[in-house]
Amino acid sequence: MKIIDIIESTRPIKSDIRNAYIDFSKMTLSLVAVVTDVVRDGKPVIGYGFNSNGRYGQGQLIRERFRPRVLEAEAGALLDETGNNLDPHKIWACMMSNEKPGGHGERSVAVGTLDMAIWDATAKIAGQPLHDMLAQRYGNGVANPKVFVYAAGGYYHPGKGIPGLLGEMQSYLDRGYSVVKMKIGGAPLAEDMQRIEAVLKMLQPGQQLAVDANGRFDLATAVAYGKAMAQYPLFWYEEAGDPLDYELQARLGESYTGPMATGENLFSMQDARNLIRYGGMHKDRDWLQFDCALSYGLVEYLRTLDMLKDYGWSPSRCVPHGGHQMSLAIAAGLGLGGNESYPDLFQPYGGFPDGVKVENGYVTLPPLPGIGFEGKADLYAEMKALTA
């Protein structure tokens, strides 16, 4: 048993939308296939993966460094103790051989993309949904396939205006979401407050709004926004300042007493630990958004969860960024608090298997082998074409 090929293709996910920091007009991602020599139903078992939006394709790193290391590994070196399946931890160590500590933003996305495909293949070889495998190996033994999801959107868009924002938010609520998220920081404070108030007025009991500044603010602006928003019952105030400015996060937490969220742009267990140590986050009300597809994959995410446990944090305070099925599987298998969702953006890479509906803010994952990409026809068509 071995991996016989790794295929990468850089794909566009361009859009005219923008947040407070970047636009997505030239955004790309890497789509990968990890091909094994295991045969099921007359076909090779192939694991698939891709990186989350907001970071670009990783093809050069994958082809120059990580793919050769895996394909050149000795026979049997990447298998588990039974010899009957892959060992994602050994493969991760192989990919990271001859790599210096640090440098997480330079390679973590490439490794995370491959790691997703490796776990997909591993669960398929075992004939299990990944969420069941994770619950049995690392959780309480039984997965909970019912996962909270929130609808992310509310981007700035040419000509959109408040009516367009309200129409978008209502479409998410009509599809069963109970929490919606919008961008702030890309307009003056007074204008953003008008946008927030307009959305809050349309919400019904049991529905909430989160806001996301995408790291745009300095401390003074972050505090000013926090003061202006203190009157609102927000689900959270997300990523006010630079993701590595832990002092800003801590000082904001001294004045803003509502729930805050951050972490999507922290790409290692060490960075996540520094946030917990120095960022002033509150384990009873704040949320952590680490995204395995951007931060070395599930192997590293397991280390992050162990670290959080050591600091008294529950995995239920983790709601990953990215809107992909990998994080859904982790949430279902390891008891995370939920997952981000992009109902209309970055398709076909986001979303759920066909037929899965959002009901009162939750989705229920079907028992598909692996991550379940084959259950989403438009996405699987892109993946299947990699090895055609």
Protein backbone atom coordinates (compact mmCIF):
# COMPACT_ATOMS: atom_id res chain seq x y z
CA MET A 1 0.00 0.00 0.00
CA LYS A 2 1.35 3.40 -0.93
CA ILE A 3 0.69 6.83 -2.39
CA ILE A 4 1.53 6.66 -6.07
CA ASP A 5 0.87 10.23 -7.14
CA ILE A 6 -0.02 13.71 -5.89
CA ILE A 7 -1.66 16.06 -8.38
CA GLU A 8 -2.16 19.80 -7.89
CA SER A 9 -4.14 22.29 -9.96
CA THR A 10 -4.39 26.01 -9.23
CA ARG A 11 -7.95 27.25 -9.73
CA PRO A 12 -9.53 30.71 -9.77
CA ILE A 13 -12.17 31.67 -7.23
CA LYS A 14 -12.29 35.28 -8.35
CA SER A 15 -15.10 37.60 -7.34
CA ASP A 16 -15.83 41.33 -7.29
CA ILE A 17 -16.44 41.25 -3.54
CA ARG A 18 -14.11 42.84 -1.00
CA ASN A 19 -13.69 42.92 2.75
CA ALA A 20 -12.00 45.64 4.77
CA TYR A 21 -8.54 44.55 3.61
CA ILE A 22 -8.56 42.73 0.26
CA ASP A 23 -10.64 42.10 -2.82
CA PHE A 24 -11.06 38.69 -4.39
CA SER A 25 -10.66 39.67 -8.04
CA LYS A 26 -7.53 37.55 -8.51
CA MET A 27 -7.93 34.97 -5.75
CA THR A 28 -6.90 31.37 -6.42
CA LEU A 29 -6.72 28.09 -4.53
CA SER A 30 -4.99 24.74 -4.92
CA LEU A 31 -7.05 21.64 -5.62
CA VAL A 32 -5.14 18.40 -4.95
CA ALA A 33 -5.60 14.68 -5.42
CA VAL A 34 -3.64 12.06 -3.47
CA VAL A 35 -3.76 8.85 -5.48
CA THR A 36 -3.17 5.52 -3.71
CA ASP A 37 -2.66 2.00 -5.04
CA VAL A 38 -5.62 0.77 -2.99
CA VAL A 39 -8.52 -0.38 -5.17
CA ARG A 40 -12.19 -0.22 -4.16
CA ASP A 41 -14.95 -1.26 -6.55
CA GLY A 42 -12.42 -1.49 -9.35
CA LYS A 43 -11.14 2.07 -8.88
CA PRO A 44 -8.14 3.51 -7.01
CA VAL A 45 -8.85 5.23 -3.72
CA ILE A 46 -8.13 8.96 -4.14
CA GLY A 47 -8.16 11.58 -1.44
CA TYR A 48 -8.99 15.18 -2.28
CA GLY A 49 -8.26 18.51 -0.67
CA PHE A 50 -8.08 22.26 -1.24
CA ASN A 51 -7.11 25.37 0.69
CA SER A 52 -9.54 27.88 2.11
CA ASN A 53 -10.31 31.24 0.54
CA GLY A 54 -8.20 34.25 1.42
CA ARG A 55 -4.86 32.59 0.67
CA TYR A 56 -3.65 31.83 -2.82
CA GLY A 57 -2.82 28.60 -4.63
CA GLN A 58 0.15 26.61 -3.32
CA GLY A 59 1.22 24.71 -6.44
CA GLN A 60 4.88 25.63 -6.49
CA LEU A 61 5.51 24.69 -2.87
CA ILE A 62 3.59 21.44 -3.28
CA ARG A 63 5.44 20.41 -6.42
CA GLU A 64 8.93 21.49 -5.34
CA ARG A 65 9.02 20.34 -1.71
CA PHE A 66 6.14 18.37 -0.31
CA ARG A 67 5.10 16.09 -3.16
CA PRO A 68 8.63 14.73 -3.77
CA ARG A 69 9.16 13.93 -0.10
CA VAL A 70 6.01 11.83 0.08
CA LEU A 71 6.57 10.02 -3.20
CA GLU A 72 10.22 9.30 -2.40
CA ALA A 73 9.52 7.85 1.06
CA GLU A 74 10.53 4.23 1.69
CA ALA A 75 7.89 1.58 1.15
CA GLY A 76 5.89 1.10 4.34
CA ALA A 77 7.28 4.20 6.06
CA LEU A 78 4.00 6.09 5.73
CA LEU A 79 1.67 3.29 6.92
CA ASP A 80 0.05 2.81 10.31
CA GLU A 81 0.98 0.04 12.72
CA THR A 82 -1.35 -2.44 11.01
CA GLY A 83 0.18 -1.87 7.60
CA ASN A 84 -3.35 -1.71 6.21
CA ASN A 85 -3.82 2.05 6.00
CA LEU A 86 -1.99 5.33 5.68
CA ASP A 87 -0.78 7.12 8.79
CA PRO A 88 -1.47 10.87 8.37
CA HIS A 89 0.88 11.70 11.24
CA LYS A 90 3.81 9.90 9.60
CA ILE A 91 3.01 11.50 6.25
CA TRP A 92 2.89 14.93 7.91
CA ALA A 93 6.30 14.31 9.49
CA CYS A 94 7.62 13.24 6.10
CA MET A 95 6.36 16.41 4.44
CA MET A 96 7.92 18.55 7.17
CA SER A 97 11.30 16.84 7.11
CA ASN A 98 14.23 19.23 6.62
CA GLU A 99 11.99 22.22 7.47
CA LYS A 100 13.11 24.78 10.06
CA PRO A 101 10.77 25.82 12.88
CA GLY A 102 8.64 28.89 12.21
CA GLY A 103 7.82 30.19 8.77
CA HIS A 104 4.23 29.12 9.21
CA GLY A 105 2.70 31.52 6.72
CA GLU A 106 5.09 30.31 4.03
CA ARG A 107 4.20 26.60 4.00
CA SER A 108 1.30 25.90 6.35
CA VAL A 109 -1.31 26.29 3.61
CA ALA A 110 0.47 23.88 1.27
CA VAL A 111 0.81 21.24 3.98
CA GLY A 112 -2.77 21.81 5.16
CA THR A 113 -4.10 21.30 1.64
CA LEU A 114 -2.28 18.00 1.26
CA ASP A 115 -3.20 16.92 4.78
CA MET A 116 -6.89 17.29 3.93
CA ALA A 117 -6.53 14.93 0.98
CA ILE A 118 -4.51 12.45 3.03
CA TRP A 119 -7.20 12.22 5.72
CA ASP A 120 -9.84 11.87 3.02
CA ALA A 121 -7.94 8.92 1.55
CA THR A 122 -7.28 7.38 4.97
CA ALA A 123 -10.95 7.39 5.94
CA LYS A 124 -11.97 6.05 2.52
CA ILE A 125 -9.51 3.17 2.82
CA ALA A 126 -11.04 2.40 6.23
CA GLY A 127 -14.52 2.62 4.71
CA GLN A 128 -15.63 5.23 7.24
CA PRO A 129 -16.89 8.78 7.29
CA LEU A 130 -14.02 10.90 8.56
CA HIS A 131 -16.13 12.24 11.42
CA ASP A 132 -16.69 8.72 12.73
CA MET A 133 -12.98 7.89 12.45
CA LEU A 134 -12.04 11.05 14.35
CA ALA A 135 -14.55 10.39 17.13
CA GLN A 136 -13.23 6.86 17.58
CA ARG A 137 -9.54 7.79 17.49
CA TYR A 138 -9.47 11.14 19.26
CA GLY A 139 -12.94 11.96 20.58
CA ASN A 140 -15.45 10.36 22.89
CA GLY A 141 -16.07 7.42 20.56
CA VAL A 142 -19.30 8.61 18.97
CA ALA A 143 -19.56 11.43 16.43
CA ASN A 144 -22.40 13.92 16.50
CA PRO A 145 -23.23 14.54 12.82
CA LYS A 146 -25.45 17.51 13.71
CA VAL A 147 -23.27 20.64 13.41
CA PHE A 148 -24.02 24.34 13.93
CA VAL A 149 -23.25 26.50 10.90
CA TYR A 150 -23.48 30.24 10.33
CA ALA A 151 -23.80 32.11 7.04
CA ALA A 152 -20.84 34.34 6.17
CA GLY A 153 -21.28 37.13 3.67
CA GLY A 154 -22.12 40.80 3.83
CA TYR A 155 -19.10 41.76 1.74
CA TYR A 156 -18.70 45.18 0.19
CA HIS A 157 -19.69 45.02 -3.44
CA PRO A 158 -19.96 47.74 -6.11
CA GLY A 159 -23.45 49.21 -6.07
CA LYS A 160 -24.72 46.89 -3.39
CA GLY A 161 -25.88 49.33 -0.70
CA ILE A 162 -28.01 48.54 2.33
CA PRO A 163 -30.97 47.13 0.33
CA GLY A 164 -28.66 44.63 -1.30
CA LEU A 165 -27.15 43.71 2.07
CA LEU A 166 -30.59 43.14 3.57
CA GLY A 167 -31.65 41.00 0.64
CA GLU A 168 -28.55 38.86 1.02
CA MET A 169 -29.00 38.40 4.77
CA GLN A 170 -32.68 37.54 4.35
CA SER A 171 -31.80 34.89 1.78
CA TYR A 172 -29.57 33.19 4.36
CA LEU A 173 -32.24 33.31 7.02
CA ASP A 174 -34.77 31.91 4.55
CA ARG A 175 -32.43 28.94 3.99
CA GLY A 176 -32.44 28.02 7.66
CA TYR A 177 -29.44 29.86 9.13
CA SER A 178 -29.96 31.46 12.53
CA VAL A 179 -26.66 33.41 12.62
CA VAL A 180 -25.45 35.61 9.76
CA LYS A 181 -22.19 37.51 9.43
CA MET A 182 -21.30 40.74 7.64
CA LYS A 183 -18.12 42.70 6.99
CA ILE A 184 -17.19 45.95 8.69
CA GLY A 185 -14.19 48.26 8.43
CA GLY A 186 -14.43 48.86 4.69
CA ALA A 187 -16.57 51.96 5.17
CA PRO A 188 -16.57 54.85 7.67
CA LEU A 189 -17.72 54.00 11.19
CA ALA A 190 -21.02 55.85 10.89
CA GLU A 191 -21.86 54.05 7.65
CA ASP A 192 -20.99 50.68 9.12
CA MET A 193 -23.24 51.38 12.11
CA GLN A 194 -26.10 52.10 9.71
CA ARG A 195 -25.44 48.80 7.96
CA ILE A 196 -25.37 46.91 11.27
CA GLU A 197 -28.54 48.53 12.56
CA ALA A 198 -30.38 47.78 9.33
CA VAL A 199 -29.56 44.07 9.58
CA LEU A 200 -30.38 43.90 13.29
CA LYS A 201 -33.81 45.39 12.64
CA MET A 202 -34.69 42.61 10.23
CA LEU A 203 -33.73 39.76 12.55
CA GLN A 204 -36.39 37.75 14.34
CA PRO A 205 -36.18 36.22 17.84
CA GLY A 206 -33.51 33.51 17.89
CA GLN A 207 -31.54 35.08 15.04
CA GLN A 208 -28.21 36.91 15.55
CA LEU A 209 -25.62 38.94 13.68
CA ALA A 210 -21.81 38.63 13.79
CA VAL A 211 -19.45 41.25 12.36
CA ASP A 212 -15.94 40.82 10.91
CA ALA A 213 -13.29 43.53 10.45
CA ASN A 214 -10.73 41.20 8.80
CA GLY A 215 -7.86 42.60 10.88
CA ARG A 216 -8.21 46.13 9.56
CA PHE A 217 -8.17 48.25 12.71
CA ASP A 218 -5.48 49.79 14.85
CA LEU A 219 -6.21 49.82 18.57
CA ALA A 220 -7.93 53.20 18.64
CA THR A 221 -10.25 52.27 15.76
CA ALA A 222 -10.94 48.82 17.20
CA VAL A 223 -11.92 50.38 20.52
CA ALA A 224 -14.05 53.02 18.79
CA TYR A 225 -15.95 50.34 16.89
CA GLY A 226 -16.30 48.33 20.07
CA LYS A 227 -17.73 51.31 21.91
CA ALA A 228 -20.19 52.02 19.10
CA MET A 229 -21.26 48.36 18.93
CA ALA A 230 -21.55 47.79 22.68
CA GLN A 231 -25.27 48.57 22.46
CA TYR A 232 -25.89 45.76 19.97
CA PRO A 233 -26.52 42.09 20.88
CA LEU A 234 -23.89 40.78 18.45
CA PHE A 235 -23.01 37.11 18.18
CA TRP A 236 -19.37 38.19 17.98
CA TYR A 237 -16.94 40.95 16.96
CA GLU A 238 -14.34 39.25 14.75
CA GLU A 239 -10.67 39.91 14.06
CA ALA A 240 -10.55 43.59 14.91
CA GLY A 241 -6.80 44.00 14.45
CA ASP A 242 -3.79 42.29 12.94
CA PRO A 243 -4.01 38.57 13.82
CA LEU A 244 -0.55 38.58 15.42
CA ASP A 245 -1.14 41.72 17.51
CA TYR A 246 -2.03 39.96 20.73
CA GLU A 247 -1.68 43.12 22.78
CA LEU A 248 -4.31 44.86 20.65
CA GLN A 249 -6.66 41.91 21.14
CA ALA A 250 -6.05 41.89 24.88
CA ARG A 251 -6.54 45.62 25.29
CA LEU A 252 -9.70 45.56 23.19
CA GLY A 253 -11.02 42.84 25.49
CA GLU A 254 -10.60 45.17 28.44
CA SER A 255 -13.13 47.63 27.02
CA TYR A 256 -15.37 45.49 24.83
CA THR A 257 -17.33 43.02 26.94
CA GLY A 258 -19.24 41.22 24.19
CA PRO A 259 -18.08 37.98 22.55
CA MET A 260 -15.07 38.27 20.26
CA ALA A 261 -13.64 35.89 17.67
CA THR A 262 -10.27 35.51 16.00
CA GLY A 263 -7.71 32.96 14.87
CA GLU A 264 -8.41 32.26 11.20
CA ASN A 265 -5.05 33.75 10.23
CA LEU A 266 -3.00 31.90 12.84
CA PHE A 267 -1.31 29.00 11.11
CA SER A 268 0.29 26.85 13.81
CA MET A 269 -0.26 25.48 17.28
CA GLN A 270 2.46 27.85 18.52
CA ASP A 271 0.67 30.93 17.18
CA ALA A 272 -2.61 29.68 18.62
CA ARG A 273 -0.92 29.17 21.98
CA ASN A 274 0.42 32.72 21.93
CA LEU A 275 -3.11 33.98 21.34
CA ILE A 276 -4.34 32.03 24.37
CA ARG A 277 -1.38 33.18 26.48
CA TYR A 278 -1.27 36.84 25.52
CA GLY A 279 -4.44 37.77 23.63
CA GLY A 280 -6.73 38.24 26.61
CA MET A 281 -9.34 35.86 25.19
CA HIS A 282 -12.17 34.75 27.47
CA LYS A 283 -12.86 31.01 27.48
CA ASP A 284 -16.45 31.54 28.63
CA ARG A 285 -17.58 33.83 25.80
CA ASP A 286 -15.01 34.20 22.99
CA TRP A 287 -14.57 32.07 19.88
CA LEU A 288 -11.52 30.58 18.14
CA GLN A 289 -11.50 30.27 14.34
CA PHE A 290 -8.38 28.23 13.48
CA ASP A 291 -8.75 26.68 10.03
CA CYS A 292 -6.98 23.35 9.49
CA ALA A 293 -6.76 23.89 5.73
CA LEU A 294 -4.58 26.96 6.30
CA SER A 295 -2.65 25.77 9.36
CA TYR A 296 -0.82 22.54 8.51
CA GLY A 297 -3.95 20.41 8.50
CA LEU A 298 -5.69 18.15 10.98
CA VAL A 299 -2.45 16.71 12.38
CA GLU A 300 -1.53 20.18 13.65
CA TYR A 301 -5.15 20.95 14.59
CA LEU A 302 -5.10 17.98 16.97
CA ARG A 303 -2.05 19.49 18.65
CA THR A 304 -3.90 22.80 18.90
CA LEU A 305 -6.89 21.11 20.55
CA ASP A 306 -4.57 19.42 23.04
CA MET A 307 -3.00 22.79 23.81
CA LEU A 308 -6.43 24.37 24.35
CA LYS A 309 -7.36 21.59 26.75
CA ASP A 310 -4.20 22.29 28.75
CA TYR A 311 -5.31 25.93 29.07
CA GLY A 312 -8.85 25.00 30.10
CA TRP A 313 -10.56 25.73 26.79
CA SER A 314 -13.34 23.52 25.45
CA PRO A 315 -13.27 22.46 21.78
CA SER A 316 -16.84 23.77 21.67
CA ARG A 317 -15.38 27.30 21.59
CA CYS A 318 -13.81 26.52 18.18
CA VAL A 319 -15.80 27.49 15.09
CA PRO A 320 -13.36 27.18 12.17
CA HIS A 321 -13.04 29.59 9.28
CA GLY A 322 -13.27 28.42 5.68
CA GLY A 323 -16.69 26.93 5.10
CA HIS A 324 -15.39 23.56 3.88
CA GLN A 325 -16.43 19.98 4.59
CA MET A 326 -13.14 19.09 6.29
CA SER A 327 -13.91 21.38 9.22
CA LEU A 328 -17.46 20.06 9.29
CA ALA A 329 -16.07 16.55 9.73
CA ILE A 330 -13.76 17.73 12.51
CA ALA A 331 -16.63 19.53 14.23
CA ALA A 332 -18.83 16.43 14.09
CA GLY A 333 -16.07 14.08 15.20
CA LEU A 334 -14.34 16.13 17.88
CA GLY A 335 -17.11 18.29 19.34
CA LEU A 336 -16.25 21.70 17.94
CA GLY A 337 -18.75 24.51 18.29
CA GLY A 338 -19.66 24.60 14.61
CA ASN A 339 -18.35 25.80 11.28
CA GLU A 340 -18.44 28.77 8.94
CA SER A 341 -20.51 28.52 5.76
CA TYR A 342 -20.53 30.56 2.53
CA PRO A 343 -23.94 29.87 1.01
CA ASP A 344 -23.32 31.74 -2.26
CA LEU A 345 -19.58 32.42 -2.39
CA PHE A 346 -16.42 30.54 -3.38
CA GLN A 347 -18.33 27.74 -5.05
CA PRO A 348 -18.10 24.86 -5.69
CA TYR A 349 -15.59 24.50 -2.85
CA GLY A 350 -17.82 25.48 0.05
CA GLY A 351 -21.11 24.09 1.22
CA PHE A 352 -22.49 20.67 1.98
CA PRO A 353 -23.26 17.40 0.20
CA ASP A 354 -26.26 17.61 -2.10
CA GLY A 355 -29.55 17.35 -0.26
CA VAL A 356 -28.19 18.55 3.09
CA LYS A 357 -30.34 21.42 4.35
CA VAL A 358 -29.78 23.95 7.09
CA GLU A 359 -32.44 23.59 9.77
CA ASN A 360 -32.57 26.07 12.65
CA GLY A 361 -28.88 26.82 12.16
CA TYR A 362 -27.71 23.19 11.98
CA VAL A 363 -26.82 20.66 9.31
CA THR A 364 -26.67 16.89 9.68
CA LEU A 365 -23.81 15.19 7.86
CA PRO A 366 -24.65 12.08 5.84
CA PRO A 367 -22.57 8.89 6.41
CA LEU A 368 -20.41 9.25 3.30
CA PRO A 369 -16.91 7.70 3.26
CA GLY A 370 -14.03 10.08 3.82
CA ILE A 371 -14.81 13.78 4.00
CA GLY A 372 -17.84 13.27 1.75
CA PHE A 373 -16.78 15.31 -1.27
CA GLU A 374 -18.34 12.74 -3.59
CA GLY A 375 -21.74 13.76 -2.26
CA LYS A 376 -21.41 17.27 -3.71
CA ALA A 377 -21.76 16.84 -7.46
CA ASP A 378 -20.36 20.17 -8.66
CA LEU A 379 -17.30 19.91 -6.43
CA TYR A 380 -16.66 16.24 -7.18
CA ALA A 381 -16.77 16.96 -10.90
CA GLU A 382 -13.83 19.36 -10.44
CA MET A 383 -11.97 16.85 -8.28
CA LYS A 384 -12.57 13.86 -10.56
CA ALA A 385 -11.23 15.82 -13.53
CA LEU A 386 -7.82 16.03 -11.82
CA THR A 387 -7.15 12.35 -12.50
CA ALA A 388 -9.19 11.87 -15.66
